[in-house]
């Protein structure tokens, strides 16, 4: 019987084969120092499938009979999904202070369309939905649609359920927690209000294959750090194509478009730099 804990780390050749496959399927760029991390995560799949080696597993995920089903588990094993509510609040402040007032004024009578691209377990799209509803106190009522999508089936299912606890919700202001969440009986957890859950459409998709034209605002935060520069540029230009003129792109605080060739214009604000589509 195989002792999976005793299986050594991937060798350099094995690592490169898996890294190449990950890039082909998800555009995620794994650097060489991630070899131990990837080894640990793949050992879990070896154990689950009772396979004795990484080479066996590589054949398994490339076999037509098993590839489609296992690829879901493989991509979930190699992606990181750390997320929580009220993360980088400057983005939400900029949304409320600058972006929503401008979009509502410019597109009065139209439905605003927003996309949380790489939404992980759903905190970001629910956070956006809350900010949208709260903004109506000053902006008046307007129609809106919100899509949250991720490549991982597991995290999208988690997002649809909308149940959170622990550090995921510890930064939510108390009044917001009371207004938009319901405490679950006999659990130390809260669920997003049903009407808000039903307002958001969640989907499993690859960002590089997705196409959602006519968007007014895209949030893609802390996602592009996993891509190389070529893929970052390709993705950002796809975002630009999907936005209406005057639409906005939000990225993570550790990310920048400065070194990329993109048609986005920059707009400095107290809350940080905003990226706007100012030309077709």
Protein backbone atom coordinates (compact mmCIF):
# COMPACT_ATOMS: atom_id res chain seq x y z
CA UNK A 1 0.00 0.00 0.00
CA UNK A 2 1.37 3.41 -1.01
CA UNK A 3 2.40 5.76 1.79
CA UNK A 4 1.53 9.03 0.07
CA UNK A 5 3.35 11.17 2.63
CA UNK A 6 6.60 9.48 1.59
CA UNK A 7 6.22 10.32 -2.10
CA UNK A 8 9.00 12.87 -2.79
CA UNK A 9 8.45 16.25 -4.39
CA UNK A 10 8.12 16.55 -8.14
CA UNK A 11 11.42 16.56 -9.99
CA UNK A 12 12.17 19.48 -12.31
CA UNK A 13 10.92 17.71 -15.43
CA UNK A 14 7.66 16.63 -13.81
CA UNK A 15 7.08 20.10 -12.45
CA UNK A 16 7.54 21.67 -15.88
CA UNK A 17 5.06 19.24 -17.48
CA UNK A 18 2.39 20.08 -14.90
CA UNK A 19 3.20 23.80 -15.02
CA UNK A 20 2.81 23.79 -18.79
CA UNK A 21 -0.56 22.03 -18.51
CA UNK A 22 -1.75 24.51 -15.86
CA UNK A 23 -0.81 27.40 -18.13
CA UNK A 24 -2.59 25.82 -21.09
CA UNK A 25 -5.80 25.27 -19.13
CA UNK A 26 -5.91 28.27 -16.78
CA UNK A 27 -3.15 30.66 -17.96
CA UNK A 28 -1.70 30.51 -14.43
CA UNK A 29 2.07 30.92 -14.45
CA UNK A 30 3.74 28.75 -11.80
CA UNK A 31 7.26 29.82 -10.91
CA UNK A 32 9.91 27.23 -10.06
CA UNK A 33 9.82 27.96 -6.32
CA UNK A 34 6.22 26.64 -6.24
CA UNK A 35 7.42 23.06 -6.74
CA UNK A 36 6.87 22.04 -3.11
CA UNK A 37 3.43 23.67 -3.00
CA UNK A 38 2.36 21.91 -6.19
CA UNK A 39 3.77 18.59 -4.95
CA UNK A 40 1.78 18.81 -1.72
CA UNK A 41 -1.44 19.55 -3.54
CA UNK A 42 -0.96 16.81 -6.11
CA UNK A 43 -0.29 14.23 -3.40
CA UNK A 44 -3.88 14.80 -2.25
CA UNK A 45 -5.13 13.89 -5.72
CA UNK A 46 -2.86 10.79 -5.79
CA UNK A 47 -4.39 9.69 -2.49
CA UNK A 48 -7.94 10.38 -3.67
CA UNK A 49 -7.43 8.34 -6.83
CA UNK A 50 -5.14 5.67 -5.31
CA UNK A 51 -2.41 6.43 -7.84
CA UNK A 52 1.19 5.69 -6.96
CA UNK A 53 3.13 8.41 -8.79
CA UNK A 54 2.95 11.84 -10.38
CA UNK A 55 3.60 10.29 -13.79
CA UNK A 56 0.53 8.06 -13.37
CA UNK A 57 -1.51 11.12 -12.45
CA UNK A 58 -0.24 13.07 -15.45
CA UNK A 59 -1.39 10.24 -17.73
CA UNK A 60 -4.72 10.14 -15.89
CA UNK A 61 -5.51 13.82 -16.50
CA UNK A 62 -4.54 13.50 -20.16
CA UNK A 63 -6.56 10.33 -20.79
CA UNK A 64 -9.73 11.04 -22.79
CA UNK A 65 -11.73 8.73 -20.52
CA UNK A 66 -10.86 10.58 -17.30
CA UNK A 67 -9.49 14.00 -18.30
CA UNK A 68 -12.71 16.04 -18.31
CA UNK A 69 -13.88 14.94 -14.86
CA UNK A 70 -10.47 15.12 -13.20
CA UNK A 71 -9.46 18.45 -14.75
CA UNK A 72 -11.97 20.18 -12.47
CA UNK A 73 -10.27 18.69 -9.39
CA UNK A 74 -6.80 19.36 -10.81
CA UNK A 75 -7.45 23.07 -11.36
CA UNK A 76 -9.07 23.40 -7.95
CA UNK A 77 -5.99 21.79 -6.40
CA UNK A 78 -3.60 24.29 -7.97
CA UNK A 79 -5.58 27.52 -7.55
CA UNK A 80 -5.58 29.71 -4.44
CA UNK A 81 -8.90 31.08 -3.21
CA UNK A 82 -8.16 33.33 -0.23
CA UNK A 83 -10.88 35.94 0.06
CA UNK A 84 -12.93 37.88 2.59
CA UNK A 85 -15.46 40.74 2.82
CA UNK A 86 -14.35 44.38 2.85
CA UNK A 87 -10.99 43.56 1.28
CA UNK A 88 -9.13 46.66 0.01
CA UNK A 89 -11.96 49.00 0.92
CA UNK A 90 -10.46 51.84 -1.15
CA UNK A 91 -11.88 50.13 -4.24
CA UNK A 92 -15.40 50.16 -2.83
CA UNK A 93 -15.01 53.77 -1.71
CA UNK A 94 -13.97 54.74 -5.25
CA UNK A 95 -16.92 52.79 -6.62
CA UNK A 96 -19.36 54.68 -4.36
CA UNK A 97 -17.74 58.10 -4.61
CA UNK A 98 -16.78 58.28 -8.28
CA UNK A 99 -17.83 55.36 -10.46
CA UNK A 100 -21.46 54.65 -9.59
CA UNK A 101 -22.55 58.34 -9.54
CA UNK A 102 -20.94 58.84 -12.92
CA UNK A 103 -22.34 55.66 -14.48
CA UNK A 104 -25.84 56.22 -13.13
CA UNK A 105 -25.86 59.79 -14.50
CA UNK A 106 -24.41 58.75 -17.87
CA UNK A 107 -26.67 55.72 -18.33
CA UNK A 108 -29.85 56.90 -16.63
CA UNK A 109 -32.69 54.55 -17.57
CA UNK A 110 -30.33 51.74 -18.56
CA UNK A 111 -29.39 48.68 -16.53
CA UNK A 112 -25.82 48.81 -15.19
CA UNK A 113 -23.89 45.61 -15.80
CA UNK A 114 -21.01 44.60 -13.51
CA UNK A 115 -18.72 41.58 -13.49
CA UNK A 116 -16.66 40.14 -10.65
CA UNK A 117 -14.07 38.25 -12.73
CA UNK A 118 -12.32 35.58 -10.69
CA UNK A 119 -14.87 35.90 -7.89
CA UNK A 120 -13.50 33.04 -5.75
CA UNK A 121 -15.92 32.13 -2.93
CA UNK A 122 -18.22 35.08 -3.61
CA UNK A 123 -17.23 37.73 -1.08
CA UNK A 124 -16.40 40.31 -3.75
CA UNK A 125 -19.66 40.11 -5.77
CA UNK A 126 -21.77 40.14 -2.60
CA UNK A 127 -19.71 43.08 -1.34
CA UNK A 128 -20.38 44.86 -4.65
CA UNK A 129 -24.09 44.11 -4.44
CA UNK A 130 -24.27 45.56 -0.93
CA UNK A 131 -22.47 48.72 -2.03
CA UNK A 132 -24.81 49.09 -5.01
CA UNK A 133 -27.92 48.81 -2.85
CA UNK A 134 -26.47 51.19 -0.25
CA UNK A 135 -25.61 53.74 -2.95
CA UNK A 136 -29.25 54.03 -3.93
CA UNK A 137 -29.86 55.99 -0.73
CA UNK A 138 -28.10 58.93 -2.39
CA UNK A 139 -28.34 58.11 -6.11
CA UNK A 140 -31.92 56.91 -6.25
CA UNK A 141 -33.10 53.59 -7.66
CA UNK A 142 -31.44 52.13 -10.74
CA UNK A 143 -31.46 48.69 -12.37
CA UNK A 144 -28.36 46.51 -12.23
CA UNK A 145 -27.04 43.06 -13.09
CA UNK A 146 -24.02 41.41 -11.49
CA UNK A 147 -22.11 38.36 -12.69
CA UNK A 148 -19.57 36.50 -10.56
CA UNK A 149 -17.43 33.86 -12.25
CA UNK A 150 -14.46 31.65 -11.48
CA UNK A 151 -12.68 28.69 -13.05
CA UNK A 152 -13.26 26.55 -9.94
CA UNK A 153 -16.58 24.72 -9.65
CA UNK A 154 -16.09 24.24 -5.92
CA UNK A 155 -15.72 27.94 -5.10
CA UNK A 156 -18.63 28.92 -7.35
CA UNK A 157 -20.87 26.42 -5.53
CA UNK A 158 -19.65 27.95 -2.25
CA UNK A 159 -20.48 31.43 -3.54
CA UNK A 160 -23.99 30.43 -4.58
CA UNK A 161 -24.71 29.16 -1.05
CA UNK A 162 -23.50 32.49 0.40
CA UNK A 163 -22.64 31.11 3.87
CA UNK A 164 -19.66 32.67 5.66
CA UNK A 165 -17.99 32.60 9.05
CA UNK A 166 -14.75 33.42 10.87
CA UNK A 167 -12.26 35.79 9.33
CA UNK A 168 -14.23 35.96 6.08
CA UNK A 169 -16.81 38.19 7.78
CA UNK A 170 -14.85 39.79 10.62
CA UNK A 171 -14.36 43.10 8.74
CA UNK A 172 -18.03 43.58 7.86
CA UNK A 173 -19.49 46.61 9.70
CA UNK A 174 -22.01 45.48 12.30
CA UNK A 175 -24.91 47.42 10.76
CA UNK A 176 -24.22 45.87 7.35
CA UNK A 177 -24.00 42.38 8.85
CA UNK A 178 -27.41 42.83 10.47
CA UNK A 179 -29.00 44.29 7.35
CA UNK A 180 -27.74 41.96 4.63
CA UNK A 181 -27.00 38.67 6.42
CA UNK A 182 -29.00 36.18 8.46
CA UNK A 183 -27.51 34.28 11.40
CA UNK A 184 -27.91 30.54 10.89
CA UNK A 185 -29.46 28.60 13.73
CA UNK A 186 -27.09 26.39 15.72
CA UNK A 187 -24.13 27.60 13.61
CA UNK A 188 -21.49 30.25 14.06
CA UNK A 189 -22.12 31.38 10.50
CA UNK A 190 -24.12 33.91 8.50
CA UNK A 191 -25.87 33.61 5.14
CA UNK A 192 -26.31 36.42 2.63
CA UNK A 193 -29.95 37.51 2.41
CA UNK A 194 -31.91 35.46 -0.13
CA UNK A 195 -33.02 38.40 -2.28
CA UNK A 196 -29.39 39.47 -2.66
CA UNK A 197 -28.24 35.92 -3.49
CA UNK A 198 -30.89 35.68 -6.17
CA UNK A 199 -29.78 38.96 -7.71
CA UNK A 200 -26.30 37.69 -8.58
CA UNK A 201 -25.62 35.20 -11.35
CA UNK A 202 -22.67 32.89 -10.66
CA UNK A 203 -20.96 30.88 -13.39
CA UNK A 204 -17.94 28.62 -13.91
CA UNK A 205 -15.76 29.90 -16.74
CA UNK A 206 -12.23 30.58 -17.90
CA UNK A 207 -11.55 34.33 -18.00
CA UNK A 208 -9.64 33.96 -21.26
CA UNK A 209 -12.65 32.36 -22.93
CA UNK A 210 -15.41 34.49 -21.37
CA UNK A 211 -17.09 37.23 -23.38
CA UNK A 212 -19.62 39.58 -21.77
CA UNK A 213 -20.10 42.64 -23.98
CA UNK A 214 -21.77 45.82 -22.79
CA UNK A 215 -20.30 45.88 -19.27
CA UNK A 216 -20.09 49.10 -17.28
CA UNK A 217 -17.68 47.93 -14.58
CA UNK A 218 -15.32 44.98 -14.11
CA UNK A 219 -13.67 43.94 -10.85
CA UNK A 220 -10.71 41.63 -11.39
CA UNK A 221 -8.65 41.97 -8.21
CA UNK A 222 -5.70 39.83 -7.12
CA UNK A 223 -6.14 37.53 -10.10
CA UNK A 224 -3.62 38.78 -12.66
CA UNK A 225 -0.72 38.30 -10.24
CA UNK A 226 -0.90 34.60 -11.21
CA UNK A 227 -0.42 35.33 -14.94
CA UNK A 228 2.68 36.26 -16.90
CA UNK A 229 2.87 39.66 -18.56
CA UNK A 230 1.76 38.42 -21.99
CA UNK A 231 -1.38 36.86 -20.56
CA UNK A 232 -2.05 39.87 -18.34
CA UNK A 233 -1.99 42.12 -21.39
CA UNK A 234 -4.21 39.75 -23.36
CA UNK A 235 -6.77 39.63 -20.53
CA UNK A 236 -6.80 43.38 -19.88
CA UNK A 237 -7.38 44.07 -23.57
CA UNK A 238 -10.28 41.60 -23.53
CA UNK A 239 -11.72 43.53 -20.60
CA UNK A 240 -11.38 46.76 -22.55
CA UNK A 241 -13.28 45.21 -25.46
CA UNK A 242 -16.15 44.12 -23.16
CA UNK A 243 -16.62 47.50 -21.47
CA UNK A 244 -18.82 50.25 -22.83
CA UNK A 245 -17.16 53.60 -23.45
CA UNK A 246 -16.73 55.25 -20.05
CA UNK A 247 -16.65 51.90 -18.23
CA UNK A 248 -14.19 51.08 -15.46
CA UNK A 249 -11.79 48.27 -14.55
CA UNK A 250 -10.75 47.65 -10.93
CA UNK A 251 -7.63 45.58 -10.22
CA UNK A 252 -5.84 44.55 -7.02
CA UNK A 253 -3.74 46.93 -4.95
CA UNK A 254 -0.59 44.95 -5.80
CA UNK A 255 -1.36 45.01 -9.52
CA UNK A 256 -0.78 47.71 -12.13
CA UNK A 257 -1.32 48.27 -15.84
CA UNK A 258 1.71 50.55 -15.98
CA UNK A 259 3.98 48.05 -17.74
CA UNK A 260 1.30 46.73 -20.08
CA UNK A 261 0.32 47.99 -23.52
CA UNK A 262 -3.39 48.67 -23.06
CA UNK A 263 -5.83 51.35 -24.28
CA UNK A 264 -7.09 52.13 -20.75
CA UNK A 265 -6.83 55.70 -19.49
CA UNK A 266 -5.79 56.38 -15.90
CA UNK A 267 -7.71 58.59 -13.53
CA UNK A 268 -6.00 59.44 -10.21
CA UNK A 269 -8.26 59.72 -7.15
CA UNK A 270 -7.74 59.88 -3.40
CA UNK A 271 -8.73 56.21 -3.28
CA UNK A 272 -6.16 55.19 -5.90
CA UNK A 273 -5.80 55.03 -9.66
CA UNK A 274 -8.91 54.18 -11.67
CA UNK A 275 -8.71 52.59 -15.12
CA UNK A 276 -11.31 53.81 -17.58
CA UNK A 277 -12.23 53.03 -21.17
CA UNK A 278 -12.32 56.43 -22.85
CA UNK A 279 -12.17 55.30 -26.49
CA UNK A 280 -13.76 52.57 -28.56
